[in-house]
Protein backbone atom coordinates (compact mmCIF):
# COMPACT_ATOMS: atom_id res chain seq x y z
CA MET A 1 -10.74 -31.00 -41.60
CA SER A 2 -10.72 -27.29 -40.80
CA VAL A 3 -9.56 -25.49 -37.66
CA LEU A 4 -12.42 -25.21 -35.17
CA PRO A 5 -13.11 -21.86 -33.48
CA ASP A 6 -13.63 -23.53 -30.09
CA ILE A 7 -14.03 -26.98 -28.55
CA THR A 8 -17.83 -26.85 -28.51
CA GLN A 9 -17.71 -27.34 -32.28
CA ALA A 10 -16.41 -30.86 -31.60
CA MET A 11 -19.42 -31.87 -29.49
CA GLN A 12 -20.95 -34.06 -32.19
CA GLY A 13 -19.82 -36.34 -35.02
CA SER A 14 -18.49 -39.24 -32.93
CA PRO A 15 -17.41 -42.39 -34.83
CA LEU A 16 -19.60 -45.46 -35.31
CA VAL A 17 -17.70 -48.73 -34.91
CA ALA A 18 -18.70 -52.26 -35.93
CA LEU A 19 -18.13 -54.78 -33.12
CA ASP A 20 -17.56 -57.74 -35.42
CA ARG A 21 -14.90 -59.33 -33.20
CA LEU A 22 -17.16 -59.28 -30.19
CA THR A 23 -20.15 -60.45 -32.21
CA ALA A 24 -18.15 -63.49 -33.34
CA HIS A 25 -16.83 -64.13 -29.82
CA LEU A 26 -20.38 -64.19 -28.42
CA GLY A 27 -21.74 -66.26 -31.31
CA LEU A 28 -24.39 -63.70 -32.22
CA GLU A 29 -26.47 -63.65 -35.38
CA GLY A 30 -26.54 -60.05 -36.62
CA ARG A 31 -24.39 -56.98 -36.11
CA LEU A 32 -23.53 -54.62 -33.26
CA LEU A 33 -22.63 -50.97 -33.89
CA ALA A 34 -21.17 -48.79 -31.12
CA LYS A 35 -21.35 -45.01 -31.38
CA CYS A 36 -18.37 -43.75 -29.44
CA ASP A 37 -19.61 -40.61 -27.69
CA TYR A 38 -16.99 -41.21 -25.01
CA LEU A 39 -14.60 -39.59 -27.50
CA LEU A 40 -16.39 -36.22 -27.35
CA PRO A 41 -14.58 -33.38 -25.47
CA GLY A 42 -16.25 -34.08 -22.10
CA PHE A 43 -15.88 -37.84 -22.61
CA SER A 44 -19.64 -38.43 -22.73
CA LYS A 45 -22.84 -38.18 -24.77
CA LYS A 46 -24.04 -35.39 -22.46
CA ASP A 47 -21.85 -32.86 -24.30
CA ARG A 48 -24.56 -32.68 -26.95
CA ALA A 49 -27.31 -31.80 -24.47
CA ALA A 50 -25.13 -29.39 -22.47
CA LEU A 51 -24.30 -27.36 -25.56
CA ALA A 52 -27.90 -27.34 -26.80
CA VAL A 53 -29.35 -26.23 -23.45
CA ILE A 54 -26.90 -23.34 -22.99
CA ARG A 55 -27.21 -22.14 -26.58
CA ALA A 56 -31.02 -22.20 -26.40
CA ALA A 57 -31.07 -20.39 -23.05
CA ARG A 58 -28.73 -17.67 -24.29
CA GLU A 59 -30.72 -17.20 -27.49
CA SER A 60 -34.04 -16.96 -25.64
CA GLY A 61 -32.70 -14.59 -22.99
CA ALA A 62 -33.37 -17.07 -20.18
CA LEU A 63 -29.61 -17.04 -19.50
CA ALA A 64 -28.02 -13.60 -19.24
CA GLU A 65 -24.40 -12.78 -20.02
CA GLY A 66 -22.19 -13.82 -17.12
CA GLN A 67 -25.06 -15.43 -15.17
CA THR A 68 -24.26 -18.50 -13.08
CA VAL A 69 -25.49 -21.89 -14.30
CA ILE A 70 -26.41 -24.65 -11.83
CA GLU A 71 -27.35 -28.25 -12.51
CA LEU A 72 -27.65 -31.58 -10.75
CA THR A 73 -25.44 -34.18 -12.36
CA SER A 74 -23.90 -37.60 -11.98
CA GLY A 75 -20.86 -36.01 -13.59
CA ASN A 76 -21.39 -36.28 -17.33
CA MET A 77 -23.88 -33.45 -17.94
CA GLY A 78 -21.86 -31.42 -15.46
CA THR A 79 -18.64 -31.98 -17.38
CA GLY A 80 -20.28 -30.89 -20.62
CA LEU A 81 -21.73 -27.84 -18.92
CA ALA A 82 -18.37 -26.97 -17.35
CA ILE A 83 -16.82 -26.91 -20.82
CA VAL A 84 -19.63 -24.96 -22.48
CA CYS A 85 -19.99 -22.48 -19.62
CA GLY A 86 -16.25 -21.88 -19.62
CA ILE A 87 -16.34 -21.08 -23.34
CA TYR A 88 -19.34 -18.74 -23.01
CA GLY A 89 -18.26 -17.04 -19.78
CA HIS A 90 -20.74 -18.43 -17.26
CA PRO A 91 -19.71 -19.60 -13.77
CA PHE A 92 -20.92 -23.17 -13.34
CA VAL A 93 -21.95 -25.01 -10.18
CA ALA A 94 -22.32 -28.80 -10.37
CA VAL A 95 -24.44 -30.41 -7.65
CA MET A 96 -23.66 -34.11 -7.34
CA SER A 97 -24.28 -37.03 -4.98
CA GLU A 98 -21.35 -38.30 -2.92
CA GLY A 99 -22.26 -41.72 -4.31
CA ASN A 100 -20.79 -40.89 -7.73
CA SER A 101 -17.18 -41.69 -8.54
CA PRO A 102 -14.69 -39.01 -7.41
CA GLU A 103 -13.07 -38.84 -10.88
CA ARG A 104 -16.18 -37.05 -12.11
CA ALA A 105 -15.94 -34.31 -9.51
CA ARG A 106 -12.21 -33.84 -10.12
CA GLN A 107 -12.71 -33.49 -13.86
CA MET A 108 -15.40 -30.84 -13.42
CA GLN A 109 -13.23 -28.94 -10.95
CA ALA A 110 -10.31 -29.09 -13.38
CA LEU A 111 -12.58 -27.48 -15.98
CA GLY A 112 -13.40 -24.59 -13.63
CA ALA A 113 -16.65 -25.80 -12.07
CA GLU A 114 -17.60 -25.42 -8.44
CA VAL A 115 -18.70 -28.87 -7.24
CA VAL A 116 -21.18 -29.23 -4.38
CA LEU A 117 -21.34 -32.80 -3.05
CA VAL A 118 -24.59 -33.90 -1.43
CA PRO A 119 -24.54 -36.68 1.24
CA GLN A 120 -26.43 -39.82 0.27
CA ALA A 121 -29.72 -40.89 1.81
CA SER A 122 -29.58 -43.13 4.86
CA GLY A 123 -28.87 -46.71 3.80
CA SER A 124 -27.52 -45.84 0.35
CA ALA A 125 -24.36 -47.57 -0.81
CA LYS A 126 -21.32 -45.73 -2.11
CA GLY A 127 -21.19 -46.03 -5.89
CA GLU A 128 -24.94 -46.70 -6.13
CA VAL A 129 -26.98 -43.50 -6.57
CA SER A 130 -30.65 -44.18 -5.93
CA GLY A 131 -33.72 -42.19 -6.85
CA GLU A 132 -33.83 -41.01 -3.24
CA ASP A 133 -30.23 -39.80 -3.51
CA LEU A 134 -31.09 -37.95 -6.72
CA ALA A 135 -34.04 -36.26 -5.01
CA LEU A 136 -31.68 -34.89 -2.36
CA VAL A 137 -29.39 -33.56 -5.08
CA ASP A 138 -32.35 -31.97 -6.85
CA ASP A 139 -33.44 -30.24 -3.64
CA ALA A 140 -29.94 -28.86 -3.12
CA ALA A 141 -29.67 -27.66 -6.73
CA THR A 142 -33.06 -25.95 -6.52
CA ARG A 143 -32.10 -24.17 -3.29
CA LEU A 144 -28.73 -23.03 -4.64
CA ALA A 145 -30.24 -21.78 -7.90
CA LYS A 146 -32.63 -19.59 -5.92
CA GLU A 147 -29.95 -18.32 -3.53
CA ARG A 148 -27.58 -17.38 -6.36
CA SER A 149 -30.18 -16.19 -8.90
CA ALA A 150 -28.73 -18.82 -11.22
CA PHE A 151 -30.04 -20.44 -14.38
CA ARG A 152 -31.00 -24.08 -13.82
CA ALA A 153 -30.02 -26.18 -16.83
CA ASP A 154 -32.61 -28.84 -15.83
CA GLN A 155 -31.58 -31.75 -18.04
CA PHE A 156 -34.63 -33.77 -16.95
CA ALA A 157 -37.09 -31.17 -18.30
CA HIS A 158 -35.36 -28.85 -20.78
CA PRO A 159 -36.57 -29.69 -24.32
CA SER A 160 -33.16 -28.94 -25.81
CA ASN A 161 -31.84 -32.17 -24.27
CA PRO A 162 -33.81 -34.60 -26.49
CA ALA A 163 -33.80 -32.08 -29.34
CA ALA A 164 -29.99 -32.28 -29.46
CA HIS A 165 -30.11 -36.05 -29.96
CA GLU A 166 -32.95 -35.83 -32.46
CA ALA A 167 -30.92 -33.31 -34.48
CA THR A 168 -27.46 -34.91 -34.19
CA THR A 169 -27.20 -38.40 -32.68
CA GLY A 170 -30.08 -39.97 -34.59
CA PRO A 171 -29.16 -38.60 -38.03
CA GLU A 172 -25.49 -39.43 -37.47
CA LEU A 173 -26.40 -43.06 -36.66
CA TRP A 174 -28.50 -43.33 -39.80
CA GLN A 175 -25.98 -41.70 -42.12
CA GLN A 176 -22.91 -43.48 -40.72
CA SER A 177 -24.61 -46.90 -40.89
CA GLY A 178 -25.82 -46.33 -44.43
CA GLY A 179 -29.38 -46.75 -43.21
CA SER A 180 -28.71 -50.31 -42.06
CA ILE A 181 -29.73 -49.97 -38.39
CA THR A 182 -32.78 -52.00 -37.44
CA ALA A 183 -32.75 -51.33 -33.68
CA PHE A 184 -31.30 -48.99 -31.06
CA CYS A 185 -31.15 -49.29 -27.28
CA ASP A 186 -30.10 -46.98 -24.46
CA PHE A 187 -29.83 -47.19 -20.66
CA VAL A 188 -32.14 -44.41 -19.55
CA GLY A 189 -30.96 -41.52 -17.38
CA SER A 190 -32.77 -38.29 -18.17
CA GLY A 191 -34.39 -39.96 -21.19
CA GLY A 192 -33.03 -37.30 -23.55
CA THR A 193 -30.92 -39.63 -25.68
CA LEU A 194 -33.54 -42.32 -26.14
CA GLY A 195 -36.38 -39.85 -26.65
CA GLY A 196 -34.46 -37.83 -29.24
CA VAL A 197 -33.01 -40.78 -31.14
CA ALA A 198 -36.37 -42.56 -31.21
CA ARG A 199 -38.08 -39.51 -32.70
CA ALA A 200 -35.38 -39.32 -35.37
CA LEU A 201 -35.13 -43.02 -36.24
CA ALA A 202 -38.50 -44.65 -35.50
CA PRO A 203 -40.04 -43.02 -38.62
CA LYS A 204 -37.33 -44.84 -40.61
CA GLY A 205 -38.43 -48.19 -39.19
CA VAL A 206 -35.82 -48.43 -36.43
CA ARG A 207 -37.15 -50.03 -33.23
CA CYS A 208 -35.85 -48.16 -30.17
CA TYR A 209 -35.69 -49.88 -26.79
CA ALA A 210 -35.31 -48.53 -23.27
CA LEU A 211 -32.90 -50.24 -20.89
CA ALA A 212 -33.53 -50.19 -17.14
CA PRO A 213 -31.80 -51.73 -14.12
CA ASP A 214 -33.31 -54.90 -12.69
CA SER A 215 -33.45 -53.45 -9.17
CA PRO A 216 -33.48 -50.05 -7.40
CA THR A 217 -29.92 -50.62 -6.18
CA HIS A 218 -27.32 -50.94 -8.93
CA PRO A 219 -23.81 -49.65 -9.80
CA ILE A 220 -24.72 -48.15 -13.20
CA GLN A 221 -24.14 -44.47 -12.47
CA GLY A 222 -26.08 -41.84 -14.38
CA GLY A 223 -29.35 -43.69 -14.91
CA GLY A 224 -32.09 -46.00 -13.77
CA TYR A 225 -33.73 -43.49 -11.44
CA SER A 226 -37.44 -43.27 -12.27
CA MET A 227 -38.03 -44.09 -15.90
CA PRO A 228 -41.87 -44.05 -16.02
CA ASP A 229 -41.93 -40.40 -14.90
CA LEU A 230 -39.45 -38.97 -17.41
CA ALA A 231 -40.77 -36.05 -19.45
CA HIS A 232 -38.45 -36.72 -22.39
CA LEU A 233 -40.02 -40.15 -23.00
CA GLU A 234 -43.64 -38.96 -23.02
CA GLY A 235 -45.05 -39.81 -26.43
CA ALA A 236 -41.70 -41.10 -27.70
CA PRO A 237 -42.01 -44.12 -30.03
CA ILE A 238 -40.41 -46.74 -27.76
CA ALA A 239 -40.64 -50.37 -28.94
CA GLY A 240 -40.15 -51.92 -25.50
CA THR A 241 -38.13 -52.07 -22.30
CA LEU A 242 -35.44 -54.55 -21.29
CA THR A 243 -33.69 -54.90 -17.94
CA VAL A 244 -29.99 -55.38 -17.29
CA THR A 245 -28.20 -56.25 -14.08
CA GLY A 246 -25.20 -54.51 -12.60
CA ALA A 247 -23.22 -57.71 -13.09
CA GLU A 248 -24.15 -57.79 -16.79
CA ALA A 249 -23.09 -54.17 -17.23
CA HIS A 250 -19.81 -54.95 -15.44
CA ARG A 251 -19.08 -57.99 -17.62
CA HIS A 252 -20.00 -56.37 -20.92
CA ALA A 253 -17.95 -53.23 -20.27
CA ARG A 254 -14.94 -55.50 -19.84
CA LEU A 255 -15.79 -57.45 -22.98
CA LEU A 256 -16.01 -54.19 -24.92
CA ALA A 257 -12.58 -53.12 -23.70
CA ARG A 258 -10.85 -56.45 -24.17
CA HIS A 259 -12.23 -57.48 -27.56
CA GLU A 260 -12.76 -54.11 -29.27
CA GLY A 261 -10.40 -51.71 -27.47
CA ILE A 262 -13.32 -49.45 -26.54
CA PHE A 263 -12.89 -48.18 -22.97
CA GLY A 264 -16.39 -47.30 -21.83
CA GLY A 265 -18.07 -47.02 -18.46
CA TYR A 266 -20.83 -48.93 -16.70
CA SER A 267 -23.61 -47.55 -18.90
CA ALA A 268 -21.72 -48.61 -22.03
CA GLY A 269 -21.61 -52.11 -20.58
CA ALA A 270 -25.34 -51.93 -19.86
CA ASN A 271 -26.02 -50.79 -23.43
CA LEU A 272 -23.94 -53.60 -24.88
CA ALA A 273 -25.69 -56.11 -22.62
CA GLY A 274 -29.06 -54.84 -23.85
CA ALA A 275 -27.95 -54.96 -27.48
CA VAL A 276 -26.79 -58.56 -27.02
CA GLN A 277 -30.18 -59.44 -25.53
CA LEU A 278 -31.86 -57.97 -28.59
CA LEU A 279 -29.70 -59.94 -31.04
CA ARG A 280 -30.44 -63.11 -29.09
CA GLY A 281 -34.14 -62.31 -29.02
CA PRO A 282 -36.52 -60.05 -30.96
CA GLU A 283 -33.82 -58.45 -33.15
CA ARG A 284 -31.97 -61.65 -34.12
CA GLY A 285 -30.19 -61.19 -37.43
CA GLY A 286 -30.57 -57.41 -37.38
CA THR A 287 -28.21 -54.49 -36.80
CA VAL A 288 -28.41 -53.06 -33.29
CA ALA A 289 -26.76 -49.74 -32.43
CA PHE A 290 -26.00 -48.26 -29.03
CA LEU A 291 -23.92 -45.48 -27.51
CA VAL A 292 -20.70 -45.79 -25.54
CA CYS A 293 -22.01 -43.10 -23.23
CA ASP A 294 -18.89 -42.21 -21.28
CA SER A 295 -15.28 -43.14 -20.64
CA GLY A 296 -13.98 -45.94 -18.46
CA LEU A 297 -11.50 -43.41 -17.08
CA LYS A 298 -14.33 -42.08 -14.91
CA TYR A 299 -14.56 -45.41 -13.07
CA LEU A 300 -10.98 -46.23 -12.17
CA SER A 301 -11.78 -45.85 -8.46
CA THR A 302 -14.73 -48.27 -8.69
CA ASP A 303 -14.79 -52.04 -8.96
CA LEU A 304 -15.42 -51.91 -12.72
CA TRP A 305 -11.77 -52.58 -13.60
CA GLU A 306 -10.58 -54.45 -10.50
CA GLU A 307 -8.77 -57.64 -11.47
CA ALA A 308 -9.90 -57.19 -15.06
CA SER A 309 -9.08 -60.25 -17.09
């Protein structure tokens, strides 16, 4: 390994780990592979998209030298942007719902970001960010971008988000697995990961599945907002959609930590739960890959690890 010129050069190339212990524990027929994007510099898969969006905006001239960047975030895209903006000399403002875990805001602030917290919609529960909550955050981010003449990173619409996963995540999965993957699943947030990976791997015969929450209220931060309306999934070769519950995500995140030593967050638990469904159903006997999207460290203030056993 050579010396990297800056930390953004480490925002890809995460390890792929076989979950053979957990597969045996659950009595599954087939194989589970976990791509550990929680080990990237910002502790999440969103590092890839953050770097791609800023690089593309600078190259096109949409983002001027020293211009402020603003984006709505549940914390992961914002952390990636805080790192990238710090390297490239852009002030960064993260706009986030008060429903997200406080660890996320503290990490972004530690990386030099200004964090604007938006109160939740009436009736929303702490730790459960709804589509209505996200709409309030979007309104605030749009207003602030206009007031500050800032560049809006716009992870839900910017094409560099799925392009980053098509160019890096998908090919990495294929190469690291030796072309053995038969299916992939992902809990959908912006849709960038699933859309990009599906475009990279579906032509190789890999069936790519969307994962969604089973109800509008759920504890799986960073996703499950309004999947049918996501631009990044338009025309993407998606094999089907499965639902997971908050309780399933909770249980499977703990299983992942206890049996494999992989300390992921709620969405990692949701992804594992979906992958297990696939091996017990339409992908029985195959090799199902998923991402460990972010770190369990971002959820220490939530109920994810309370009385873990």
